[in-house]
C-alpha cells in the first residue's frame, strides 16, 4: 500500500497531529488560550470514535513500517483513555501554572502520538523513533514545574538516564540489524 493511501487508515493519528498544531496556535492567540483544554479533550474523543469505527481491520501501512490490527487498536484505546484522564485530572492541579497549560496539553498529545506509533510499529527504526517521540516530551514534562528544585533535578536525571538508555538501545538494534540483515520484526522473528 502506498504512503498516500495509507493515510486513510491513519485518521486517529492525523486528528492527534492536528490537535497538537491547533493547541500550539491557539496558545499564541490570547483570546483563544482558554480553548486549548477543550480542544485537547475533543481531539481525544474524536480520535477514539474514528479508532472504534476501524476496529478489527488489519492493514500494513507506510511500506511495512506500521501495522494497524486489533492488537494495536486495543492499546490505542487504553492510551486514549489514560491521556483523557490525565488531562482531565491535571486541569485542576494547583502547581501547574495556568500560563503553561497549553504546552502541557500539547506535550501530552505528542506523548500520545508516540504511544500510538509504538503500539503499531513493526519495524525497528519505527520502534526507536516512537520511543524517542515519547521520551523527549517526557523529559520536558518532568521539569514542567520550573520553580520546584526537585522537578528540575528529576528532569535532568531523566535526560541523562534517557540519553544513555537510548544510545544503548540504538547500539543493540544495530547489532540485531547486523545479525539479521533486516529491521522488519517479521523477518527477524
N, C-alpha and C. Protein backbone atom coordinates (compact mmCIF):
# COMPACT_ATOMS: atom_id res chain seq x y z
N UNK A 1 0.84 -1.17 0.00
CA UNK A 1 0.00 0.00 0.00
C UNK A 1 0.89 1.24 0.00
N UNK A 2 0.55 2.19 -0.87
CA UNK A 2 1.37 3.40 -0.97
C UNK A 2 1.19 4.28 0.26
N UNK A 3 2.11 5.21 0.41
CA UNK A 3 2.06 6.08 1.58
C UNK A 3 0.82 6.97 1.60
N UNK A 4 0.40 7.45 0.42
CA UNK A 4 -0.77 8.32 0.36
C UNK A 4 -2.05 7.57 0.69
N UNK A 5 -2.19 6.35 0.20
CA UNK A 5 -3.39 5.58 0.52
C UNK A 5 -3.35 5.06 1.96
N UNK A 6 -2.18 5.01 2.57
CA UNK A 6 -2.07 4.62 3.98
C UNK A 6 -2.69 5.65 4.91
N UNK A 7 -2.72 6.90 4.48
CA UNK A 7 -3.26 7.97 5.33
C UNK A 7 -4.73 7.79 5.64
N UNK A 8 -5.48 7.12 4.75
CA UNK A 8 -6.91 6.95 5.00
C UNK A 8 -7.16 6.02 6.19
N UNK A 9 -6.22 5.16 6.52
CA UNK A 9 -6.34 4.28 7.68
C UNK A 9 -5.72 4.89 8.94
N UNK A 10 -5.19 6.06 8.80
CA UNK A 10 -4.42 6.68 9.88
C UNK A 10 -5.11 7.94 10.41
N UNK A 11 -6.41 7.98 10.33
CA UNK A 11 -7.18 9.17 10.71
C UNK A 11 -7.03 9.52 12.20
N UNK A 12 -7.09 8.57 13.15
CA UNK A 12 -6.92 8.97 14.56
C UNK A 12 -5.59 9.68 14.83
N UNK A 13 -4.53 9.20 14.21
CA UNK A 13 -3.23 9.83 14.40
C UNK A 13 -3.20 11.22 13.77
N UNK A 14 -3.86 11.37 12.61
CA UNK A 14 -3.92 12.68 11.97
C UNK A 14 -4.73 13.67 12.81
N UNK A 15 -5.76 13.18 13.49
CA UNK A 15 -6.53 14.03 14.39
C UNK A 15 -5.66 14.51 15.55
N UNK A 16 -4.85 13.61 16.10
CA UNK A 16 -3.96 13.98 17.21
C UNK A 16 -2.91 14.99 16.73
N UNK A 17 -2.35 14.78 15.54
CA UNK A 17 -1.37 15.72 14.99
C UNK A 17 -2.01 17.09 14.79
N UNK A 18 -3.21 17.11 14.24
CA UNK A 18 -3.92 18.38 14.03
C UNK A 18 -4.20 19.07 15.36
N UNK A 19 -4.57 18.30 16.37
CA UNK A 19 -4.84 18.88 17.69
C UNK A 19 -3.57 19.48 18.30
N UNK A 20 -2.44 18.81 18.12
CA UNK A 20 -1.17 19.34 18.63
C UNK A 20 -0.89 20.70 18.01
N UNK A 21 -1.02 20.78 16.69
CA UNK A 21 -0.75 22.04 16.00
C UNK A 21 -1.75 23.12 16.40
N UNK A 22 -3.03 22.76 16.51
CA UNK A 22 -4.04 23.74 16.90
C UNK A 22 -3.86 24.24 18.33
N UNK A 23 -3.47 23.35 19.23
CA UNK A 23 -3.23 23.78 20.62
C UNK A 23 -2.08 24.78 20.66
N UNK A 24 -1.04 24.52 19.89
CA UNK A 24 0.10 25.44 19.87
C UNK A 24 -0.30 26.79 19.26
N UNK A 25 -1.09 26.75 18.18
CA UNK A 25 -1.53 28.00 17.54
C UNK A 25 -2.49 28.77 18.45
N UNK A 26 -3.43 28.07 19.08
CA UNK A 26 -4.39 28.75 19.97
C UNK A 26 -3.72 29.34 21.20
N UNK A 27 -2.61 28.76 21.60
CA UNK A 27 -1.88 29.30 22.75
C UNK A 27 -1.27 30.66 22.45
N UNK A 28 -0.96 30.90 21.19
CA UNK A 28 -0.36 32.18 20.79
C UNK A 28 -1.41 33.29 20.79
N UNK A 29 -2.66 32.94 20.49
CA UNK A 29 -3.74 33.92 20.44
C UNK A 29 -4.33 34.07 21.84
N UNK A 30 -4.18 35.24 22.48
CA UNK A 30 -4.62 35.39 23.87
C UNK A 30 -6.12 35.12 24.08
N UNK A 31 -6.95 35.50 23.14
CA UNK A 31 -8.40 35.31 23.31
C UNK A 31 -8.81 33.84 23.20
N UNK A 32 -8.00 33.04 22.54
CA UNK A 32 -8.34 31.62 22.32
C UNK A 32 -7.60 30.67 23.24
N UNK A 33 -6.80 31.21 24.14
CA UNK A 33 -5.98 30.37 25.02
C UNK A 33 -6.82 29.45 25.89
N UNK A 34 -8.01 29.90 26.25
CA UNK A 34 -8.86 29.11 27.15
C UNK A 34 -9.47 27.88 26.48
N UNK A 35 -9.39 27.80 25.14
CA UNK A 35 -9.99 26.67 24.43
C UNK A 35 -9.05 25.49 24.25
N UNK A 36 -7.82 25.61 24.69
CA UNK A 36 -6.86 24.52 24.46
C UNK A 36 -7.23 23.26 25.24
N UNK A 37 -7.77 23.43 26.43
CA UNK A 37 -8.20 22.27 27.22
C UNK A 37 -9.33 21.53 26.52
N UNK A 38 -10.34 22.27 26.08
CA UNK A 38 -11.48 21.66 25.39
C UNK A 38 -11.05 21.01 24.08
N UNK A 39 -10.15 21.66 23.38
CA UNK A 39 -9.66 21.11 22.11
C UNK A 39 -8.93 19.80 22.33
N UNK A 40 -8.11 19.74 23.36
CA UNK A 40 -7.37 18.51 23.65
C UNK A 40 -8.31 17.35 23.97
N UNK A 41 -9.29 17.60 24.83
CA UNK A 41 -10.25 16.55 25.16
C UNK A 41 -11.11 16.17 23.97
N UNK A 42 -11.52 17.17 23.19
CA UNK A 42 -12.33 16.90 22.00
C UNK A 42 -11.58 16.08 20.97
N UNK A 43 -10.30 16.38 20.79
CA UNK A 43 -9.50 15.62 19.83
C UNK A 43 -9.34 14.17 20.27
N UNK A 44 -9.18 13.96 21.56
CA UNK A 44 -9.06 12.59 22.07
C UNK A 44 -10.37 11.83 21.86
N UNK A 45 -11.49 12.48 22.13
CA UNK A 45 -12.79 11.83 21.91
C UNK A 45 -13.03 11.54 20.44
N UNK A 46 -12.69 12.50 19.57
CA UNK A 46 -12.87 12.30 18.13
C UNK A 46 -11.96 11.18 17.61
N UNK A 47 -10.73 11.14 18.09
CA UNK A 47 -9.81 10.07 17.69
C UNK A 47 -10.32 8.72 18.15
N UNK A 48 -10.91 8.67 19.34
CA UNK A 48 -11.44 7.39 19.83
C UNK A 48 -12.64 6.93 19.01
N UNK A 49 -13.46 7.86 18.52
CA UNK A 49 -14.59 7.50 17.66
C UNK A 49 -14.08 6.89 16.35
N UNK A 50 -13.11 7.54 15.72
CA UNK A 50 -12.56 7.01 14.47
C UNK A 50 -11.81 5.70 14.69
N UNK A 51 -11.16 5.59 15.82
CA UNK A 51 -10.46 4.35 16.14
C UNK A 51 -11.45 3.21 16.35
N UNK A 52 -12.55 3.51 17.01
CA UNK A 52 -13.57 2.50 17.28
C UNK A 52 -14.22 2.04 15.97
N UNK A 53 -14.40 2.96 15.01
CA UNK A 53 -15.02 2.61 13.73
C UNK A 53 -14.14 1.67 12.91
N UNK A 54 -12.84 1.82 13.04
CA UNK A 54 -11.94 0.98 12.24
C UNK A 54 -11.46 -0.25 12.99
N UNK A 55 -12.09 -0.56 14.13
CA UNK A 55 -11.66 -1.71 14.93
C UNK A 55 -11.87 -3.01 14.17
N UNK A 56 -10.90 -3.89 14.23
CA UNK A 56 -10.99 -5.20 13.59
C UNK A 56 -10.31 -5.29 12.24
N UNK A 57 -10.01 -4.15 11.63
CA UNK A 57 -9.33 -4.17 10.35
C UNK A 57 -7.83 -4.39 10.57
N UNK A 58 -7.20 -5.07 9.62
CA UNK A 58 -5.75 -5.28 9.68
C UNK A 58 -5.13 -4.82 8.37
N UNK A 59 -4.18 -3.90 8.48
CA UNK A 59 -3.51 -3.35 7.31
C UNK A 59 -2.06 -3.05 7.65
N UNK A 60 -1.18 -3.29 6.68
CA UNK A 60 0.20 -2.84 6.79
C UNK A 60 0.31 -1.48 6.11
N UNK A 61 0.83 -0.50 6.81
CA UNK A 61 0.86 0.86 6.29
C UNK A 61 2.29 1.38 6.16
N UNK A 62 2.43 2.39 5.31
CA UNK A 62 3.69 3.10 5.13
C UNK A 62 4.85 2.15 4.83
N UNK A 63 4.66 1.38 3.79
CA UNK A 63 5.68 0.44 3.28
C UNK A 63 6.13 -0.56 4.33
N UNK A 64 5.21 -1.02 5.15
CA UNK A 64 5.51 -2.06 6.13
C UNK A 64 6.15 -1.57 7.41
N UNK A 65 6.10 -0.28 7.67
CA UNK A 65 6.67 0.24 8.92
C UNK A 65 5.67 0.14 10.07
N UNK A 66 4.39 0.19 9.75
CA UNK A 66 3.33 0.22 10.76
C UNK A 66 2.25 -0.78 10.37
N UNK A 67 1.68 -1.42 11.37
CA UNK A 67 0.58 -2.36 11.14
C UNK A 67 -0.61 -1.94 11.98
N UNK A 68 -1.74 -1.79 11.32
CA UNK A 68 -2.99 -1.50 12.03
C UNK A 68 -3.72 -2.82 12.20
N UNK A 69 -3.90 -3.25 13.44
CA UNK A 69 -4.55 -4.52 13.72
C UNK A 69 -5.30 -4.41 15.05
N UNK A 70 -6.11 -5.42 15.42
CA UNK A 70 -6.85 -5.34 16.69
C UNK A 70 -5.96 -5.17 17.92
N UNK A 71 -4.77 -5.74 17.88
CA UNK A 71 -3.82 -5.60 18.99
C UNK A 71 -3.45 -4.13 19.21
N UNK A 72 -3.09 -3.45 18.13
CA UNK A 72 -2.72 -2.03 18.27
C UNK A 72 -3.94 -1.18 18.62
N UNK A 73 -5.11 -1.53 18.09
CA UNK A 73 -6.33 -0.79 18.44
C UNK A 73 -6.62 -0.87 19.94
N UNK A 74 -6.44 -2.04 20.51
CA UNK A 74 -6.69 -2.23 21.93
C UNK A 74 -5.80 -1.31 22.77
N UNK A 75 -4.51 -1.29 22.45
CA UNK A 75 -3.60 -0.45 23.22
C UNK A 75 -3.83 1.04 22.95
N UNK A 76 -4.21 1.37 21.73
CA UNK A 76 -4.51 2.77 21.43
C UNK A 76 -5.70 3.26 22.25
N UNK A 77 -6.70 2.41 22.43
CA UNK A 77 -7.85 2.79 23.26
C UNK A 77 -7.42 3.01 24.72
N UNK A 78 -6.52 2.15 25.20
CA UNK A 78 -6.00 2.33 26.56
C UNK A 78 -5.22 3.64 26.67
N UNK A 79 -4.40 3.95 25.67
CA UNK A 79 -3.63 5.19 25.68
C UNK A 79 -4.55 6.41 25.61
N UNK A 80 -5.61 6.33 24.80
CA UNK A 80 -6.57 7.43 24.72
C UNK A 80 -7.26 7.66 26.05
N UNK A 81 -7.69 6.59 26.67
CA UNK A 81 -8.37 6.69 27.96
C UNK A 81 -7.43 7.27 29.03
N UNK A 82 -6.19 6.82 29.03
CA UNK A 82 -5.21 7.31 30.00
C UNK A 82 -4.92 8.80 29.81
N UNK A 83 -4.70 9.20 28.56
CA UNK A 83 -4.40 10.61 28.29
C UNK A 83 -5.61 11.49 28.60
N UNK A 84 -6.79 11.01 28.26
CA UNK A 84 -8.02 11.75 28.59
C UNK A 84 -8.12 11.97 30.09
N UNK A 85 -7.85 10.92 30.86
CA UNK A 85 -7.92 11.02 32.32
C UNK A 85 -6.87 11.97 32.87
N UNK A 86 -5.66 11.89 32.33
CA UNK A 86 -4.57 12.75 32.81
C UNK A 86 -4.88 14.22 32.54
N UNK A 87 -5.36 14.52 31.33
CA UNK A 87 -5.68 15.91 31.00
C UNK A 87 -6.83 16.41 31.87
N UNK A 88 -7.82 15.56 32.09
CA UNK A 88 -8.97 15.95 32.90
C UNK A 88 -8.58 16.20 34.36
N UNK A 89 -7.76 15.33 34.91
CA UNK A 89 -7.34 15.47 36.31
C UNK A 89 -6.38 16.65 36.49
N UNK A 90 -5.48 16.84 35.54
CA UNK A 90 -4.48 17.91 35.69
C UNK A 90 -5.07 19.30 35.46
N UNK A 91 -6.28 19.36 34.98
CA UNK A 91 -6.94 20.67 34.78
C UNK A 91 -7.03 21.44 36.09
N UNK A 92 -7.23 20.73 37.18
CA UNK A 92 -7.42 21.38 38.48
C UNK A 92 -6.18 21.28 39.37
N UNK A 93 -5.05 20.98 38.78
CA UNK A 93 -3.80 20.90 39.55
C UNK A 93 -3.32 22.31 39.90
N UNK A 94 -3.09 22.55 41.16
CA UNK A 94 -2.70 23.88 41.63
C UNK A 94 -1.26 24.23 41.25
N UNK A 95 -0.38 23.23 41.22
CA UNK A 95 1.03 23.51 40.94
C UNK A 95 1.27 23.84 39.47
N UNK A 96 0.42 23.32 38.59
CA UNK A 96 0.60 23.57 37.16
C UNK A 96 0.14 24.99 36.85
N UNK A 97 1.07 25.79 36.37
CA UNK A 97 0.78 27.19 36.07
C UNK A 97 -0.21 27.26 34.90
N UNK A 98 -1.22 28.08 35.05
CA UNK A 98 -2.25 28.20 34.00
C UNK A 98 -1.67 28.76 32.70
N UNK A 99 -0.55 29.48 32.78
CA UNK A 99 0.07 30.00 31.57
C UNK A 99 0.69 28.90 30.73
N UNK A 100 0.99 27.77 31.34
CA UNK A 100 1.64 26.69 30.61
C UNK A 100 0.73 25.50 30.37
N UNK A 101 -0.57 25.66 30.57
CA UNK A 101 -1.47 24.53 30.39
C UNK A 101 -1.56 24.10 28.93
N UNK A 102 -1.44 25.03 27.99
CA UNK A 102 -1.47 24.66 26.57
C UNK A 102 -0.24 23.85 26.20
N UNK A 103 0.92 24.27 26.68
CA UNK A 103 2.13 23.50 26.41
C UNK A 103 2.04 22.12 27.04
N UNK A 104 1.49 22.06 28.23
CA UNK A 104 1.32 20.78 28.92
C UNK A 104 0.42 19.85 28.11
N UNK A 105 -0.70 20.38 27.62
CA UNK A 105 -1.61 19.57 26.82
C UNK A 105 -0.97 19.14 25.50
N UNK A 106 -0.23 20.06 24.86
CA UNK A 106 0.43 19.72 23.60
C UNK A 106 1.47 18.62 23.82
N UNK A 107 2.24 18.72 24.90
CA UNK A 107 3.24 17.69 25.19
C UNK A 107 2.58 16.35 25.48
N UNK A 108 1.46 16.36 26.20
CA UNK A 108 0.75 15.10 26.45
C UNK A 108 0.22 14.50 25.15
N UNK A 109 -0.24 15.34 24.23
CA UNK A 109 -0.72 14.83 22.95
C UNK A 109 0.43 14.28 22.10
N UNK A 110 1.61 14.89 22.21
CA UNK A 110 2.77 14.36 21.49
C UNK A 110 3.16 13.00 22.06
N UNK A 111 3.12 12.86 23.37
CA UNK A 111 3.39 11.56 24.00
C UNK A 111 2.36 10.54 23.54
N UNK A 112 1.09 10.96 23.47
CA UNK A 112 0.04 10.07 22.99
C UNK A 112 0.31 9.62 21.56
N UNK A 113 0.75 10.53 20.71
CA UNK A 113 1.08 10.18 19.33
C UNK A 113 2.22 9.17 19.28
N UNK A 114 3.23 9.38 20.12
CA UNK A 114 4.34 8.43 20.18
C UNK A 114 3.90 7.05 20.64
N UNK A 115 2.99 7.02 21.61
CA UNK A 115 2.46 5.73 22.08
C UNK A 115 1.63 5.05 20.99
N UNK A 116 0.87 5.84 20.23
CA UNK A 116 0.13 5.29 19.09
C UNK A 116 1.09 4.63 18.10
N UNK A 117 2.16 5.35 17.77
CA UNK A 117 3.13 4.81 16.82
C UNK A 117 3.82 3.57 17.37
N UNK A 118 4.12 3.59 18.66
CA UNK A 118 4.80 2.45 19.26
C UNK A 118 3.93 1.20 19.25
N UNK A 119 2.64 1.37 19.48
CA UNK A 119 1.76 0.20 19.55
C UNK A 119 1.54 -0.44 18.18
N UNK A 120 1.75 0.31 17.12
CA UNK A 120 1.53 -0.26 15.80
C UNK A 120 2.81 -0.42 14.98
N UNK A 121 3.96 -0.19 15.57
CA UNK A 121 5.23 -0.33 14.84
C UNK A 121 5.60 -1.79 14.64
N UNK A 122 6.06 -2.10 13.43
CA UNK A 122 6.55 -3.45 13.14
C UNK A 122 7.94 -3.39 12.51
N UNK A 123 8.64 -2.30 12.75
CA UNK A 123 9.97 -2.10 12.22
C UNK A 123 10.83 -1.51 13.33
N UNK A 124 12.08 -1.96 13.42
CA UNK A 124 12.96 -1.50 14.49
C UNK A 124 13.19 0.01 14.45
N UNK A 125 13.30 0.57 13.26
CA UNK A 125 13.53 2.01 13.14
C UNK A 125 12.32 2.78 13.66
N UNK A 126 11.14 2.31 13.30
CA UNK A 126 9.91 2.97 13.76
C UNK A 126 9.74 2.81 15.27
N UNK A 127 10.11 1.67 15.80
CA UNK A 127 10.04 1.47 17.25
C UNK A 127 10.96 2.47 17.96
N UNK A 128 12.18 2.63 17.45
CA UNK A 128 13.12 3.56 18.06
C UNK A 128 12.61 5.00 17.99
N UNK A 129 12.10 5.39 16.81
CA UNK A 129 11.59 6.76 16.65
C UNK A 129 10.39 7.03 17.55
N UNK A 130 9.52 6.04 17.68
CA UNK A 130 8.34 6.24 18.53
C UNK A 130 8.71 6.30 20.01
N UNK A 131 9.70 5.52 20.42
CA UNK A 131 10.16 5.61 21.81
C UNK A 131 10.78 6.98 22.08
N UNK A 132 11.51 7.51 21.12
CA UNK A 132 12.07 8.85 21.28
C UNK A 132 10.98 9.91 21.28
N UNK A 133 9.92 9.69 20.49
CA UNK A 133 8.81 10.63 20.47
C UNK A 133 8.06 10.65 21.79
N UNK A 134 8.13 9.58 22.53
CA UNK A 134 7.56 9.54 23.87
C UNK A 134 8.54 10.13 24.89
N UNK A 135 9.82 9.82 24.74
CA UNK A 135 10.82 10.20 25.74
C UNK A 135 11.08 11.71 25.80
N UNK A 136 11.27 12.33 24.66
CA UNK A 136 11.69 13.73 24.64
C UNK A 136 10.64 14.65 25.28
N UNK A 137 9.34 14.54 24.93
CA UNK A 137 8.37 15.36 25.67
C UNK A 137 8.27 14.98 27.15
N UNK A 138 8.55 13.73 27.47
CA UNK A 138 8.51 13.31 28.87
C UNK A 138 9.60 14.00 29.68
N UNK A 139 10.76 14.25 29.07
CA UNK A 139 11.81 14.99 29.75
C UNK A 139 11.31 16.39 30.13
N UNK A 140 10.62 17.01 29.19
CA UNK A 140 10.10 18.36 29.43
C UNK A 140 8.99 18.33 30.48
N UNK A 141 8.12 17.32 30.39
CA UNK A 141 7.02 17.21 31.36
C UNK A 141 7.54 16.98 32.78
N UNK A 142 8.65 16.26 32.89
CA UNK A 142 9.22 16.01 34.23
C UNK A 142 9.72 17.30 34.86
N UNK A 143 10.16 18.26 34.05
CA UNK A 143 10.66 19.52 34.58
C UNK A 143 9.70 20.68 34.37
N UNK A 144 8.43 20.38 34.24
CA UNK A 144 7.43 21.42 33.94
C UNK A 144 7.30 22.46 35.05
N UNK A 145 7.50 22.05 36.28
CA UNK A 145 7.41 23.00 37.40
C UNK A 145 8.77 23.67 37.56
N UNK A 146 8.94 24.81 36.91
CA UNK A 146 10.25 25.45 36.86
C UNK A 146 10.75 25.95 38.20
N UNK A 147 9.86 26.32 39.08
CA UNK A 147 10.27 26.85 40.39
C UNK A 147 10.54 25.77 41.41
N UNK A 148 10.24 24.54 41.09
CA UNK A 148 10.45 23.42 42.00
C UNK A 148 11.82 22.79 41.72
N UNK A 149 12.70 22.83 42.71
CA UNK A 149 14.06 22.31 42.54
C UNK A 149 14.05 20.81 42.26
N UNK A 150 13.16 20.08 42.93
CA UNK A 150 13.09 18.63 42.73
C UNK A 150 12.61 18.28 41.33
N UNK A 151 11.73 19.08 40.77
CA UNK A 151 11.25 18.86 39.41
C UNK A 151 12.38 19.05 38.40
N UNK A 152 13.17 20.09 38.60
CA UNK A 152 14.31 20.34 37.71
C UNK A 152 15.35 19.23 37.82
N UNK A 153 15.59 18.78 39.04
CA UNK A 153 16.55 17.69 39.26
C UNK A 153 16.06 16.40 38.62
N UNK A 154 14.78 16.11 38.76
CA UNK A 154 14.21 14.90 38.17
C UNK A 154 14.31 14.94 36.65
N UNK A 155 14.06 16.11 36.08
CA UNK A 155 14.14 16.25 34.63
C UNK A 155 15.56 16.03 34.13
N UNK A 156 16.53 16.60 34.82
CA UNK A 156 17.93 16.43 34.42
C UNK A 156 18.36 14.98 34.53
N UNK A 157 18.00 14.33 35.63
CA UNK A 157 18.34 12.91 35.79
C UNK A 157 17.68 12.06 34.72
N UNK A 158 16.45 12.40 34.39
CA UNK A 158 15.71 11.66 33.37
C UNK A 158 16.36 11.83 32.00
N UNK A 159 16.83 13.04 31.69
CA UNK A 159 17.50 13.29 30.41
C UNK A 159 18.79 12.48 30.33
N UNK A 160 19.58 12.49 31.40
CA UNK A 160 20.85 11.75 31.40
C UNK A 160 20.61 10.26 31.28
N UNK A 161 19.70 9.73 32.08
CA UNK A 161 19.39 8.31 32.02
C UNK A 161 18.77 7.93 30.67
N UNK A 162 17.88 8.78 30.16
CA UNK A 162 17.22 8.50 28.89
C UNK A 162 18.17 8.52 27.72
N UNK A 163 19.12 9.45 27.71
CA UNK A 163 20.07 9.50 26.60
C UNK A 163 21.00 8.30 26.64
N UNK A 164 21.40 7.87 27.83
CA UNK A 164 22.22 6.66 27.94
C UNK A 164 21.44 5.44 27.48
N UNK A 165 20.20 5.32 27.91
CA UNK A 165 19.36 4.17 27.52
C UNK A 165 19.08 4.19 26.03
N UNK A 166 18.88 5.38 25.47
CA UNK A 166 18.62 5.49 24.03
C UNK A 166 19.83 5.06 23.22
N UNK A 167 21.00 5.50 23.64
CA UNK A 167 22.22 5.08 22.94
C UNK A 167 22.46 3.59 23.04
N UNK A 168 22.23 3.04 24.21
CA UNK A 168 22.39 1.60 24.41
C UNK A 168 21.39 0.81 23.56
N UNK A 169 20.15 1.29 23.50
CA UNK A 169 19.14 0.61 22.70
C UNK A 169 19.49 0.70 21.22
N UNK A 170 19.95 1.85 20.77
CA UNK A 170 20.33 2.00 19.37
C UNK A 170 21.50 1.09 19.02
N UNK A 171 22.44 0.93 19.94
CA UNK A 171 23.55 0.01 19.73
C UNK A 171 23.04 -1.43 19.60
N UNK A 172 22.12 -1.82 20.48
CA UNK A 172 21.54 -3.16 20.42
C UNK A 172 20.76 -3.39 19.14
N UNK A 173 20.02 -2.38 18.70
CA UNK A 173 19.26 -2.51 17.45
C UNK A 173 20.19 -2.63 16.25
N UNK A 174 21.32 -1.92 16.29
CA UNK A 174 22.28 -2.03 15.18
C UNK A 174 22.92 -3.41 15.15
N UNK A 175 23.18 -4.00 16.31
CA UNK A 175 23.70 -5.37 16.35
C UNK A 175 22.66 -6.34 15.81
N UNK A 176 21.41 -6.15 16.19
CA UNK A 176 20.32 -7.00 15.70
C UNK A 176 20.18 -6.87 14.19
N UNK A 177 20.31 -5.66 13.67
CA UNK A 177 20.27 -5.47 12.22
C UNK A 177 21.47 -6.13 11.55
N UNK A 178 22.63 -6.02 12.16
CA UNK A 178 23.83 -6.65 11.60
C UNK A 178 23.72 -8.16 11.54
N UNK A 179 23.08 -8.77 12.52
CA UNK A 179 22.93 -10.23 12.55
C UNK A 179 21.89 -10.69 11.54
N UNK A 180 20.75 -10.01 11.49
CA UNK A 180 19.64 -10.49 10.66
C UNK A 180 19.59 -9.87 9.27
N UNK A 181 20.15 -8.68 9.10
CA UNK A 181 20.12 -8.01 7.81
C UNK A 181 18.80 -7.33 7.50
N UNK A 182 17.94 -7.18 8.50
CA UNK A 182 16.64 -6.54 8.28
C UNK A 182 16.21 -5.81 9.55
N UNK A 183 15.38 -4.79 9.35
CA UNK A 183 14.81 -4.09 10.50
C UNK A 183 13.34 -4.46 10.70
N UNK A 184 12.81 -5.32 9.86
CA UNK A 184 11.42 -5.74 9.96
C UNK A 184 11.28 -6.82 11.04
N UNK A 185 10.36 -6.61 11.97
CA UNK A 185 10.17 -7.56 13.08
C UNK A 185 9.78 -8.94 12.56
N UNK A 186 8.95 -8.99 11.52
CA UNK A 186 8.51 -10.27 10.97
C UNK A 186 9.67 -11.08 10.41
N UNK A 187 10.63 -10.42 9.79
CA UNK A 187 11.80 -11.12 9.25
C UNK A 187 12.73 -11.54 10.37
N UNK A 188 12.88 -10.71 11.39
CA UNK A 188 13.78 -11.02 12.50
C UNK A 188 13.30 -12.23 13.27
N UNK A 189 11.98 -12.33 13.49
CA UNK A 189 11.46 -13.47 14.25
C UNK A 189 11.35 -14.66 13.35
